[in-house]
Amino acid sequence: MEEFHRPPPKLAIKLSSDLAAVGYHTGMVVHTFAFRWKAGVREDQKVRALAEIRGLQGQIPGLLETWVGVNVSSRSQGYELGGVMKFSDRSALDRYGAHPIHQQLLQWLMPLIDALEIDFEA
């Protein structure tokens, strides 16, 4: 399936400014993710992924909080691992994406997963 990338809808910008008016900190960005494991992924690889994602906390500037765990919902559509990260702002999220420690994780992890990501200002 071809990936399709498009800019966020203009509604998001309007909504963010409306949220700022009622006290939300619109500079902060929340990064959410969910993984489906590909066939043949071993349990030790799953445990390593969980540990290494948790281990990013404190190593990447602007990464304020990290939560990651095994799904417990029956409505997960096959996603077995999920997480949430809170960043100080969009530039911190961008730096995270390029950070060498994150890139090392992605190098071995991406072949093992089908990932879903959603990032938003909060």
N, C-alpha and C. Protein backbone atom coordinates (compact mmCIF):
# COMPACT_ATOMS: atom_id res chain seq x y z
N MET A 1 0.84 -1.17 0.00
CA MET A 1 0.00 0.00 0.00
C MET A 1 0.89 1.24 0.00
N GLU A 2 0.58 2.19 -0.85
CA GLU A 2 1.35 3.42 -0.96
C GLU A 2 1.05 4.34 0.21
N GLU A 3 2.14 4.92 0.78
CA GLU A 3 1.94 5.88 1.87
C GLU A 3 1.54 7.20 1.27
N PHE A 4 0.64 7.90 1.93
CA PHE A 4 0.17 9.19 1.48
C PHE A 4 0.38 10.19 2.59
N HIS A 5 1.15 11.22 2.31
CA HIS A 5 1.42 12.24 3.32
C HIS A 5 0.78 13.54 2.88
N ARG A 6 0.08 14.16 3.77
CA ARG A 6 -0.52 15.45 3.45
C ARG A 6 -0.38 16.34 4.67
N PRO A 7 -0.44 17.63 4.46
CA PRO A 7 -0.31 18.54 5.60
C PRO A 7 -1.53 18.41 6.51
N PRO A 8 -1.36 18.74 7.80
CA PRO A 8 -2.50 18.70 8.71
C PRO A 8 -3.60 19.64 8.21
N PRO A 9 -4.84 19.32 8.47
CA PRO A 9 -5.93 20.19 8.02
C PRO A 9 -5.87 21.54 8.73
N LYS A 10 -6.36 22.56 8.06
CA LYS A 10 -6.37 23.90 8.65
C LYS A 10 -7.20 23.93 9.92
N LEU A 11 -8.17 23.05 10.04
CA LEU A 11 -9.00 22.97 11.24
C LEU A 11 -8.14 22.77 12.47
N ALA A 12 -7.07 21.97 12.35
CA ALA A 12 -6.20 21.70 13.51
C ALA A 12 -5.59 22.99 14.04
N ILE A 13 -5.18 23.87 13.15
CA ILE A 13 -4.59 25.14 13.58
C ILE A 13 -5.66 25.99 14.26
N LYS A 14 -6.81 26.07 13.69
CA LYS A 14 -7.90 26.84 14.29
C LYS A 14 -8.28 26.24 15.64
N LEU A 15 -8.42 24.92 15.70
CA LEU A 15 -8.78 24.26 16.94
C LEU A 15 -7.72 24.52 18.01
N SER A 16 -6.43 24.44 17.63
CA SER A 16 -5.36 24.69 18.59
C SER A 16 -5.46 26.10 19.16
N SER A 17 -5.74 27.08 18.32
CA SER A 17 -5.84 28.44 18.84
C SER A 17 -7.06 28.60 19.73
N ASP A 18 -8.14 27.89 19.42
CA ASP A 18 -9.32 27.92 20.29
C ASP A 18 -9.00 27.30 21.64
N LEU A 19 -8.24 26.20 21.65
CA LEU A 19 -7.87 25.57 22.90
C LEU A 19 -6.98 26.48 23.74
N ALA A 20 -6.10 27.22 23.09
CA ALA A 20 -5.24 28.16 23.82
C ALA A 20 -6.09 29.18 24.57
N ALA A 21 -7.20 29.57 23.97
CA ALA A 21 -8.07 30.57 24.59
C ALA A 21 -8.70 30.06 25.88
N VAL A 22 -8.78 28.74 26.05
CA VAL A 22 -9.37 28.19 27.26
C VAL A 22 -8.33 27.55 28.18
N GLY A 23 -7.04 27.87 27.92
CA GLY A 23 -6.01 27.47 28.87
C GLY A 23 -5.14 26.30 28.52
N TYR A 24 -5.31 25.69 27.35
CA TYR A 24 -4.42 24.60 26.96
C TYR A 24 -3.07 25.16 26.56
N HIS A 25 -2.00 24.43 26.82
CA HIS A 25 -0.65 24.82 26.44
C HIS A 25 -0.41 24.29 25.03
N THR A 26 -0.61 25.13 24.02
CA THR A 26 -0.55 24.65 22.64
C THR A 26 0.86 24.42 22.14
N GLY A 27 1.90 24.82 22.89
CA GLY A 27 3.25 24.55 22.44
C GLY A 27 3.63 23.10 22.63
N MET A 28 3.06 22.44 23.63
CA MET A 28 3.39 21.06 23.94
C MET A 28 2.83 20.14 22.85
N VAL A 29 3.58 19.09 22.52
CA VAL A 29 3.14 18.13 21.50
C VAL A 29 3.09 16.74 22.11
N VAL A 30 2.01 16.02 21.82
CA VAL A 30 1.84 14.64 22.26
C VAL A 30 2.05 13.74 21.04
N HIS A 31 2.93 12.78 21.20
CA HIS A 31 3.25 11.80 20.15
C HIS A 31 2.68 10.46 20.61
N THR A 32 1.78 9.89 19.83
CA THR A 32 1.19 8.60 20.17
C THR A 32 1.57 7.59 19.10
N PHE A 33 1.69 6.33 19.50
CA PHE A 33 2.04 5.30 18.55
C PHE A 33 1.43 3.97 18.97
N ALA A 34 1.22 3.12 17.98
CA ALA A 34 0.75 1.75 18.22
C ALA A 34 1.44 0.85 17.21
N PHE A 35 1.80 -0.36 17.67
CA PHE A 35 2.51 -1.31 16.81
C PHE A 35 1.71 -2.59 16.66
N ARG A 36 1.69 -3.10 15.44
CA ARG A 36 1.31 -4.49 15.15
C ARG A 36 2.62 -5.21 14.85
N TRP A 37 2.84 -6.33 15.49
CA TRP A 37 4.05 -7.10 15.23
C TRP A 37 3.88 -7.90 13.96
N LYS A 38 4.91 -7.95 13.15
CA LYS A 38 4.89 -8.77 11.94
C LYS A 38 5.08 -10.23 12.32
N ALA A 39 4.72 -11.11 11.42
CA ALA A 39 4.85 -12.55 11.67
C ALA A 39 6.30 -12.91 11.99
N GLY A 40 6.45 -13.77 12.96
CA GLY A 40 7.77 -14.27 13.31
C GLY A 40 8.53 -13.47 14.35
N VAL A 41 7.95 -12.36 14.82
CA VAL A 41 8.64 -11.58 15.85
C VAL A 41 8.63 -12.37 17.15
N ARG A 42 9.80 -12.46 17.76
CA ARG A 42 9.95 -13.24 19.00
C ARG A 42 9.61 -12.40 20.23
N GLU A 43 9.29 -13.08 21.30
CA GLU A 43 8.95 -12.41 22.57
C GLU A 43 10.10 -11.56 23.08
N ASP A 44 11.34 -12.03 22.95
CA ASP A 44 12.48 -11.24 23.42
C ASP A 44 12.63 -9.94 22.63
N GLN A 45 12.24 -9.93 21.36
CA GLN A 45 12.28 -8.71 20.57
C GLN A 45 11.22 -7.72 21.04
N LYS A 46 10.06 -8.26 21.40
CA LYS A 46 8.99 -7.40 21.92
C LYS A 46 9.41 -6.77 23.24
N VAL A 47 10.02 -7.56 24.11
CA VAL A 47 10.48 -7.06 25.41
C VAL A 47 11.57 -6.01 25.20
N ARG A 48 12.48 -6.27 24.27
CA ARG A 48 13.54 -5.30 23.98
C ARG A 48 12.95 -3.97 23.50
N ALA A 49 11.95 -4.03 22.62
CA ALA A 49 11.32 -2.81 22.11
C ALA A 49 10.73 -2.00 23.26
N LEU A 50 10.00 -2.66 24.12
CA LEU A 50 9.38 -1.98 25.26
C LEU A 50 10.45 -1.32 26.14
N ALA A 51 11.50 -2.05 26.45
CA ALA A 51 12.56 -1.53 27.31
C ALA A 51 13.30 -0.37 26.65
N GLU A 52 13.61 -0.49 25.37
CA GLU A 52 14.36 0.57 24.71
C GLU A 52 13.52 1.84 24.53
N ILE A 53 12.23 1.68 24.28
CA ILE A 53 11.37 2.87 24.18
C ILE A 53 11.31 3.57 25.53
N ARG A 54 11.11 2.80 26.59
CA ARG A 54 11.12 3.40 27.94
C ARG A 54 12.45 4.06 28.23
N GLY A 55 13.53 3.46 27.74
CA GLY A 55 14.87 3.97 27.98
C GLY A 55 15.19 5.26 27.26
N LEU A 56 14.35 5.69 26.33
CA LEU A 56 14.58 6.97 25.65
C LEU A 56 14.41 8.15 26.61
N GLN A 57 13.57 7.94 27.62
CA GLN A 57 13.30 9.01 28.60
C GLN A 57 14.61 9.42 29.27
N GLY A 58 14.88 10.71 29.31
CA GLY A 58 16.09 11.22 29.93
C GLY A 58 17.29 11.28 28.99
N GLN A 59 17.16 10.73 27.80
CA GLN A 59 18.26 10.75 26.84
C GLN A 59 18.05 11.72 25.69
N ILE A 60 16.82 12.19 25.53
CA ILE A 60 16.50 13.04 24.38
C ILE A 60 15.95 14.37 24.89
N PRO A 61 16.63 15.47 24.61
CA PRO A 61 16.17 16.78 25.06
C PRO A 61 14.76 17.09 24.55
N GLY A 62 13.94 17.62 25.44
CA GLY A 62 12.58 18.00 25.07
C GLY A 62 11.56 16.89 25.23
N LEU A 63 12.01 15.65 25.45
CA LEU A 63 11.10 14.54 25.72
C LEU A 63 10.79 14.59 27.21
N LEU A 64 9.57 15.03 27.53
CA LEU A 64 9.21 15.31 28.92
C LEU A 64 8.68 14.09 29.67
N GLU A 65 7.89 13.26 29.00
CA GLU A 65 7.28 12.09 29.65
C GLU A 65 7.10 10.99 28.61
N THR A 66 7.19 9.74 29.07
CA THR A 66 7.01 8.59 28.20
C THR A 66 6.18 7.53 28.91
N TRP A 67 5.16 7.04 28.21
CA TRP A 67 4.37 5.90 28.68
C TRP A 67 4.32 4.91 27.53
N VAL A 68 4.59 3.65 27.82
CA VAL A 68 4.51 2.61 26.80
C VAL A 68 4.12 1.31 27.47
N GLY A 69 3.30 0.51 26.78
CA GLY A 69 2.89 -0.75 27.38
C GLY A 69 2.18 -1.64 26.39
N VAL A 70 1.87 -2.84 26.86
CA VAL A 70 1.18 -3.85 26.07
C VAL A 70 -0.32 -3.56 26.11
N ASN A 71 -0.95 -3.63 24.96
CA ASN A 71 -2.38 -3.36 24.85
C ASN A 71 -3.21 -4.34 25.68
N VAL A 72 -4.26 -3.83 26.30
CA VAL A 72 -5.19 -4.68 27.04
C VAL A 72 -6.62 -4.58 26.49
N SER A 73 -6.81 -3.80 25.42
CA SER A 73 -8.13 -3.60 24.85
C SER A 73 -8.49 -4.69 23.85
N SER A 74 -9.73 -5.10 23.86
CA SER A 74 -10.21 -6.04 22.85
C SER A 74 -10.58 -5.32 21.54
N ARG A 75 -10.50 -4.00 21.53
CA ARG A 75 -10.86 -3.21 20.34
C ARG A 75 -9.62 -2.68 19.61
N SER A 76 -8.48 -3.30 19.79
CA SER A 76 -7.20 -2.76 19.31
C SER A 76 -6.92 -2.96 17.83
N GLN A 77 -7.73 -3.73 17.14
CA GLN A 77 -7.54 -4.02 15.71
C GLN A 77 -6.16 -4.60 15.43
N GLY A 78 -5.65 -5.38 16.37
CA GLY A 78 -4.37 -6.07 16.17
C GLY A 78 -3.15 -5.32 16.66
N TYR A 79 -3.32 -4.09 17.13
CA TYR A 79 -2.18 -3.35 17.67
C TYR A 79 -1.90 -3.87 19.08
N GLU A 80 -0.68 -4.34 19.30
CA GLU A 80 -0.34 -5.01 20.55
C GLU A 80 0.45 -4.15 21.52
N LEU A 81 1.13 -3.12 21.03
CA LEU A 81 1.94 -2.27 21.89
C LEU A 81 1.59 -0.83 21.57
N GLY A 82 1.45 -0.01 22.59
CA GLY A 82 1.13 1.39 22.35
C GLY A 82 1.89 2.28 23.31
N GLY A 83 1.96 3.55 22.94
CA GLY A 83 2.65 4.48 23.81
C GLY A 83 2.29 5.91 23.53
N VAL A 84 2.66 6.74 24.50
CA VAL A 84 2.44 8.18 24.42
C VAL A 84 3.70 8.86 24.93
N MET A 85 4.13 9.87 24.21
CA MET A 85 5.27 10.69 24.63
C MET A 85 4.85 12.15 24.60
N LYS A 86 5.30 12.88 25.59
CA LYS A 86 5.00 14.31 25.66
C LYS A 86 6.29 15.08 25.39
N PHE A 87 6.24 16.00 24.43
CA PHE A 87 7.38 16.83 24.05
C PHE A 87 7.09 18.30 24.37
N SER A 88 8.15 19.04 24.64
CA SER A 88 8.00 20.44 25.01
C SER A 88 7.40 21.28 23.88
N ASP A 89 7.70 20.93 22.64
CA ASP A 89 7.17 21.67 21.49
C ASP A 89 7.45 20.87 20.21
N ARG A 90 7.02 21.40 19.08
CA ARG A 90 7.20 20.69 17.81
C ARG A 90 8.67 20.51 17.45
N SER A 91 9.49 21.50 17.76
CA SER A 91 10.90 21.36 17.41
C SER A 91 11.54 20.24 18.22
N ALA A 92 11.11 20.04 19.46
CA ALA A 92 11.62 18.91 20.26
C ALA A 92 11.21 17.59 19.63
N LEU A 93 9.97 17.50 19.14
CA LEU A 93 9.52 16.28 18.45
C LEU A 93 10.36 16.05 17.19
N ASP A 94 10.64 17.12 16.45
CA ASP A 94 11.46 16.99 15.24
C ASP A 94 12.88 16.52 15.59
N ARG A 95 13.45 17.07 16.65
CA ARG A 95 14.80 16.66 17.07
C ARG A 95 14.81 15.19 17.51
N TYR A 96 13.73 14.76 18.17
CA TYR A 96 13.59 13.36 18.57
C TYR A 96 13.65 12.45 17.36
N GLY A 97 12.93 12.82 16.32
CA GLY A 97 12.89 12.00 15.11
C GLY A 97 14.27 11.76 14.53
N ALA A 98 15.13 12.76 14.58
CA ALA A 98 16.47 12.66 14.00
C ALA A 98 17.54 12.24 15.00
N HIS A 99 17.20 12.15 16.27
CA HIS A 99 18.20 11.87 17.31
C HIS A 99 18.85 10.50 17.07
N PRO A 100 20.18 10.41 17.20
CA PRO A 100 20.88 9.14 16.94
C PRO A 100 20.37 7.96 17.78
N ILE A 101 20.00 8.17 19.02
CA ILE A 101 19.50 7.07 19.85
C ILE A 101 18.17 6.55 19.31
N HIS A 102 17.30 7.48 18.90
CA HIS A 102 16.02 7.09 18.30
C HIS A 102 16.27 6.37 16.97
N GLN A 103 17.20 6.87 16.17
CA GLN A 103 17.50 6.25 14.89
C GLN A 103 18.05 4.83 15.07
N GLN A 104 18.86 4.60 16.10
CA GLN A 104 19.36 3.25 16.39
C GLN A 104 18.20 2.30 16.69
N LEU A 105 17.24 2.78 17.47
CA LEU A 105 16.06 1.97 17.78
C LEU A 105 15.28 1.64 16.51
N LEU A 106 15.04 2.65 15.69
CA LEU A 106 14.26 2.44 14.47
C LEU A 106 14.93 1.46 13.52
N GLN A 107 16.24 1.47 13.48
CA GLN A 107 16.98 0.62 12.55
C GLN A 107 16.62 -0.86 12.72
N TRP A 108 16.54 -1.33 13.94
CA TRP A 108 16.21 -2.75 14.13
C TRP A 108 14.71 -2.97 14.34
N LEU A 109 13.98 -1.94 14.83
CA LEU A 109 12.57 -2.13 15.16
C LEU A 109 11.64 -2.05 13.94
N MET A 110 11.87 -1.13 13.03
CA MET A 110 10.93 -0.91 11.92
C MET A 110 10.67 -2.16 11.08
N PRO A 111 11.65 -3.03 10.83
CA PRO A 111 11.34 -4.24 10.06
C PRO A 111 10.40 -5.21 10.79
N LEU A 112 10.20 -5.00 12.09
CA LEU A 112 9.40 -5.92 12.89
C LEU A 112 7.94 -5.48 13.07
N ILE A 113 7.60 -4.26 12.67
CA ILE A 113 6.30 -3.70 13.03
C ILE A 113 5.58 -3.06 11.84
N ASP A 114 4.27 -2.97 12.01
CA ASP A 114 3.43 -2.05 11.26
C ASP A 114 3.01 -1.01 12.29
N ALA A 115 3.37 0.22 12.05
CA ALA A 115 3.18 1.27 13.07
C ALA A 115 2.11 2.27 12.65
N LEU A 116 1.44 2.81 13.64
CA LEU A 116 0.50 3.90 13.49
C LEU A 116 0.97 5.00 14.43
N GLU A 117 1.05 6.24 13.94
CA GLU A 117 1.48 7.36 14.76
C GLU A 117 0.52 8.52 14.58
N ILE A 118 0.26 9.21 15.68
CA ILE A 118 -0.53 10.45 15.65
C ILE A 118 0.14 11.43 16.58
N ASP A 119 0.39 12.64 16.09
CA ASP A 119 1.00 13.71 16.88
C ASP A 119 0.05 14.89 16.90
N PHE A 120 -0.08 15.52 18.06
CA PHE A 120 -0.96 16.67 18.15
C PHE A 120 -0.51 17.61 19.26
N GLU A 121 -0.89 18.88 19.12
CA GLU A 121 -0.64 19.85 20.17
C GLU A 121 -1.66 19.64 21.27
N ALA A 122 -1.22 19.84 22.50
CA ALA A 122 -2.14 19.65 23.62
C ALA A 122 -2.01 20.79 24.60
